[in-house]
Structure formats: C-alpha cells, structure tokens
Amino acid sequence: METARRIIEKAHNLFFTYGVKSVTMDEIAAHLGVSKKTIYQHFSDKDQLVEAVLRSEIEKDHQECARHKAESDNAIHEVFMAIEMLREMLANMNPAIIFELRKYHPAAFKIFQDHMNKFMLSVVSNNIERGIKEGLYREDVPVDIAARLRIDSIFIPFNQDLFPPTKYTLFDVEYKLMELFLFGLSTAKGQKLIYKYKQAQSI
C-alpha cells in the first residue's frame, strides 16, 4: 500500500504540473526510481492510475470541506478558507488538465463530474443556506440556481481561449469569479465581511 500511495502522489504532482497526456508511465517510474513493472503491479494501465489520482484528490476535498465548515465562523469565512485551499491547489496546475481528462480519460472525467455535480454542489448549496440564515446572503437568493451557477463557473478559467495562461493565472481568474459571486449573494453585512477577509488574506 505504501508503494501504491507513493505512485499516486508522484503521478498527481506530474499530472497537475505537466498535464495528463504528456506524462508517460515510464516518466513516472523514472521519477520514483522504480521499474515500470512495479507500477503495473499496482495499476493495470494509465487510466486506472489517473482514476486513483483523481479519487485521492476527491478524498482530500471531502476532508478539507468538512474542516472548513466545522472551523469557520460564518458562511463567508468558510468560502475564504476554501479560497486558501484553491490557491494552493492551483499554484502549479496545468490549465489543460480538464480538457485532457475529458478527451483522453472519460471514465476519470465522469468521476470528476459526479464529484462536482453531487458533493461540491451540496457544499455550495449548504453554504448559501447557511449564509441566508446568518443574514450574510440575501433571502431572495435562489439557492439551487446560484449553486449550479457557481459550480459551472469553476470550469471557466480552464478555457485557454478566454483566459490564455500567458496573460492570466488560474487562481487569479478563479478568485475574481468567486468574489463576483459572493458580492452578488451578499447583504450589506455580508459585504463588510468580504472586505474584512480580503484584507486579512491580502488578496
């Protein structure tokens, strides 16, 4: 199990940095200092390894989202905690990864879509409901529509025609979209907290 974990971690780093398509099993083996045969003892092919990497990232998301909800002072604080996680995740992420998953690893992409459209949709919906109860989000916000809009907008920064990597970073675009979304939801009380957390995080 330790070897499999090491393979997943190294593959994760390489896939997120260079893209899924360009990284071969030979390169993963070389970076680990093991034979390709060792990798195939744990993963039957690259598809299975990509899926394992994705599932490990999803498990991390589950843990982090639960922590944010439990440790945050309010709904807007919860979002800013997620922004810090996003900053770390996107720091060295190749923007092509979503396109490559969709095109070359459809089974893995389906796992990712299900995660976004079920778990993450629930996280966003619960945050909106929490914010409304706390008086930080407007009472007339259509929760389901707003949550689905937010989930869909997460993919927009990965469109390299709209946001070429030479001009934009993934995090900068993701953050600005999140900020626009938050201000659209928030009451005057909530907007004051947005400015407070922005200043605290120097964003």
Protein backbone atom coordinates (compact mmCIF):
# COMPACT_ATOMS: atom_id res chain seq x y z
CA MET A 1 0.00 0.00 0.00
CA GLU A 2 2.91 2.35 0.72
CA THR A 3 4.26 1.85 -2.81
CA ALA A 4 0.84 2.50 -4.34
CA ARG A 5 0.50 5.69 -2.29
CA ARG A 6 3.92 6.90 -3.47
CA ILE A 7 2.96 6.20 -7.08
CA ILE A 8 -0.31 8.13 -6.71
CA GLU A 9 1.43 11.09 -5.08
CA LYS A 10 4.15 11.31 -7.74
CA ALA A 11 1.65 10.86 -10.58
CA HIS A 12 -0.52 13.57 -9.01
CA ASN A 13 2.38 16.03 -8.98
CA LEU A 14 3.38 15.27 -12.55
CA PHE A 15 -0.16 15.25 -13.99
CA PHE A 16 -1.10 18.54 -12.35
CA THR A 17 2.13 20.23 -13.40
CA TYR A 18 2.59 18.95 -16.96
CA GLY A 19 -0.86 17.67 -17.91
CA VAL A 20 -2.12 14.10 -18.05
CA LYS A 21 -1.40 13.36 -21.70
CA SER A 22 2.26 14.36 -21.76
CA VAL A 23 3.30 12.31 -18.71
CA THR A 24 4.10 8.67 -19.52
CA MET A 25 4.24 5.68 -17.21
CA ASP A 26 7.98 5.46 -17.98
CA GLU A 27 8.47 9.02 -16.70
CA ILE A 28 6.51 8.32 -13.52
CA ALA A 29 8.67 5.25 -12.91
CA ALA A 30 11.86 7.24 -13.54
CA HIS A 31 10.83 9.98 -11.11
CA LEU A 32 10.08 7.36 -8.47
CA GLY A 33 13.26 5.40 -9.11
CA VAL A 34 11.33 2.17 -9.71
CA SER A 35 10.68 -0.01 -12.74
CA LYS A 36 7.57 0.42 -14.86
CA LYS A 37 6.75 -3.18 -13.92
CA THR A 38 6.40 -2.06 -10.28
CA ILE A 39 3.78 0.49 -11.29
CA TYR A 40 1.85 -2.10 -13.29
CA GLN A 41 1.79 -4.37 -10.25
CA HIS A 42 -0.45 -1.78 -8.61
CA PHE A 43 -2.23 -0.18 -11.59
CA SER A 44 -3.22 -2.13 -14.68
CA ASP A 45 -2.88 0.86 -17.02
CA LYS A 46 -2.65 4.64 -17.11
CA ASP A 47 -6.45 5.01 -16.99
CA GLN A 48 -6.57 3.23 -13.64
CA LEU A 49 -3.73 5.37 -12.29
CA VAL A 50 -5.43 8.59 -13.41
CA GLU A 51 -8.63 7.46 -11.69
CA ALA A 52 -6.69 6.67 -8.49
CA VAL A 53 -5.08 10.12 -8.54
CA LEU A 54 -8.47 11.73 -9.02
CA ARG A 55 -10.06 9.74 -6.20
CA SER A 56 -7.23 10.76 -3.85
CA GLU A 57 -7.85 14.43 -4.73
CA ILE A 58 -11.59 13.98 -4.17
CA GLU A 59 -10.97 12.39 -0.76
CA LYS A 60 -8.83 15.40 0.16
CA ASP A 61 -11.66 17.71 -0.96
CA HIS A 62 -14.11 15.89 1.30
CA GLN A 63 -11.81 16.26 4.30
CA GLU A 64 -11.00 19.91 3.65
CA CYS A 65 -14.62 20.93 3.03
CA ALA A 66 -15.69 19.26 6.28
CA ARG A 67 -12.91 21.09 8.12
CA HIS A 68 -13.86 24.44 6.60
CA LYS A 69 -17.47 24.01 7.65
CA ALA A 70 -16.57 22.94 11.17
CA GLU A 71 -13.90 25.58 11.84
CA SER A 72 -15.35 28.63 10.06
CA ASP A 73 -17.02 31.45 11.96
CA ASN A 74 -19.67 32.02 9.29
CA ALA A 75 -20.58 31.23 5.68
CA ILE A 76 -18.29 33.87 4.16
CA HIS A 77 -15.38 32.75 6.34
CA GLU A 78 -16.00 29.20 5.07
CA VAL A 79 -15.66 30.44 1.48
CA PHE A 80 -12.40 32.26 2.24
CA MET A 81 -10.99 29.13 3.84
CA ALA A 82 -11.82 27.33 0.59
CA ILE A 83 -10.07 30.10 -1.35
CA GLU A 84 -6.83 29.36 0.50
CA MET A 85 -7.16 25.67 -0.41
CA LEU A 86 -7.82 26.69 -4.01
CA ARG A 87 -4.75 28.94 -4.07
CA GLU A 88 -2.54 26.02 -3.03
CA MET A 89 -4.14 23.57 -5.46
CA LEU A 90 -3.97 25.87 -8.49
CA ALA A 91 -0.48 27.23 -7.84
CA ASN A 92 1.18 24.85 -10.30
CA MET A 93 -1.81 23.30 -12.07
CA ASN A 94 -1.65 22.93 -15.84
CA PRO A 95 -4.80 24.57 -17.31
CA ALA A 96 -5.05 21.82 -19.94
CA ILE A 97 -5.77 19.12 -17.37
CA ILE A 98 -9.58 19.38 -17.52
CA PHE A 99 -9.60 19.21 -21.33
CA GLU A 100 -7.21 16.24 -21.30
CA LEU A 101 -9.27 14.34 -18.76
CA ARG A 102 -12.41 14.86 -20.84
CA LYS A 103 -10.73 13.81 -24.09
CA TYR A 104 -8.33 11.03 -23.10
CA HIS A 105 -9.70 9.63 -19.82
CA PRO A 106 -13.52 9.82 -19.98
CA ALA A 107 -14.08 7.41 -17.09
CA ALA A 108 -11.93 9.56 -14.80
CA PHE A 109 -13.63 12.71 -16.07
CA LYS A 110 -17.02 11.15 -15.24
CA ILE A 111 -15.80 10.58 -11.66
CA PHE A 112 -14.77 14.24 -11.51
CA GLN A 113 -18.09 15.44 -12.93
CA ASP A 114 -20.05 13.36 -10.42
CA HIS A 115 -17.96 14.80 -7.60
CA MET A 116 -18.62 18.36 -8.75
CA ASN A 117 -22.31 17.87 -9.55
CA LYS A 118 -23.15 16.00 -6.35
CA PHE A 119 -20.74 16.60 -3.48
CA MET A 120 -19.49 20.08 -4.40
CA LEU A 121 -22.98 21.20 -5.41
CA SER A 122 -24.18 20.13 -1.96
CA VAL A 123 -21.30 22.01 -0.28
CA VAL A 124 -22.13 25.23 -2.16
CA SER A 125 -25.88 24.86 -1.55
CA ASN A 126 -25.34 24.31 2.17
CA ASN A 127 -23.06 27.35 2.34
CA ILE A 128 -25.67 29.53 0.67
CA GLU A 129 -28.38 28.30 3.04
CA ARG A 130 -26.07 28.93 5.98
CA GLY A 131 -25.32 32.46 4.77
CA ILE A 132 -29.01 33.26 4.38
CA LYS A 133 -29.72 32.09 7.96
CA GLU A 134 -26.81 34.21 9.23
CA GLY A 135 -28.10 37.30 7.42
CA LEU A 136 -24.97 37.44 5.25
CA TYR A 137 -26.64 36.42 1.98
CA ARG A 138 -29.87 37.86 0.58
CA GLU A 139 -33.06 35.99 1.50
CA ASP A 140 -34.26 36.06 -2.12
CA VAL A 141 -31.25 34.12 -3.48
CA PRO A 142 -32.47 31.07 -5.49
CA VAL A 143 -30.24 28.51 -3.77
CA ASP A 144 -30.29 25.75 -6.38
CA ILE A 145 -29.77 28.09 -9.34
CA ALA A 146 -27.00 30.02 -7.59
CA ALA A 147 -25.21 26.83 -6.52
CA ARG A 148 -25.34 25.37 -10.04
CA LEU A 149 -24.08 28.66 -11.47
CA ARG A 150 -21.14 28.60 -9.07
CA ILE A 151 -20.22 25.00 -9.90
CA ASP A 152 -20.35 25.69 -13.64
CA SER A 153 -18.25 28.84 -13.29
CA ILE A 154 -15.40 26.86 -11.72
CA PHE A 155 -14.59 25.45 -15.17
CA ILE A 156 -14.47 28.82 -16.97
CA PRO A 157 -10.85 29.72 -16.07
CA PHE A 158 -9.64 26.50 -17.70
CA ASN A 159 -10.79 27.79 -21.10
CA GLN A 160 -7.44 28.89 -22.53
CA ASP A 161 -9.11 30.73 -25.42
CA LEU A 162 -10.87 33.02 -22.94
CA PHE A 163 -8.02 33.19 -20.44
CA PRO A 164 -4.65 32.45 -22.08
CA PRO A 165 -2.05 31.30 -19.50
CA THR A 166 0.37 33.93 -20.80
CA LYS A 167 -1.95 36.64 -19.50
CA TYR A 168 -3.90 35.08 -16.62
CA THR A 169 -3.24 32.64 -13.80
CA LEU A 170 -5.85 30.04 -12.88
CA PHE A 171 -6.06 31.27 -9.31
CA ASP A 172 -6.49 34.94 -10.22
CA VAL A 173 -9.43 34.17 -12.51
CA GLU A 174 -10.98 31.67 -10.09
CA TYR A 175 -10.68 34.18 -7.26
CA LYS A 176 -12.26 37.04 -9.22
CA LEU A 177 -15.18 34.81 -10.25
CA MET A 178 -15.63 33.74 -6.63
CA GLU A 179 -15.54 37.37 -5.50
CA LEU A 180 -18.14 38.44 -8.07
CA PHE A 181 -20.34 35.53 -7.00
CA LEU A 182 -20.02 36.39 -3.30
CA PHE A 183 -20.83 40.07 -3.78
CA GLY A 184 -23.87 39.07 -5.83
CA LEU A 185 -25.16 36.94 -2.94
CA SER A 186 -24.27 39.15 -0.02
CA THR A 187 -26.19 41.62 2.07
CA ALA A 188 -24.51 44.83 3.30
CA LYS A 189 -23.49 42.92 6.42
CA GLY A 190 -22.00 40.16 4.32
CA GLN A 191 -20.12 42.58 2.07
CA LYS A 192 -18.39 44.09 5.11
CA LEU A 193 -17.13 40.62 6.00
CA ILE A 194 -15.89 40.06 2.44
CA TYR A 195 -13.72 43.17 2.69
CA LYS A 196 -12.54 42.07 6.15
CA TYR A 197 -11.41 38.62 4.97
CA LYS A 198 -9.89 40.04 1.78
CA GLN A 199 -7.75 42.37 3.84
CA ALA A 200 -6.78 39.60 6.25
CA GLN A 201 -5.66 37.36 3.39
CA SER A 202 -4.10 40.23 1.36
CA ILE A 203 -5.99 39.17 -1.78
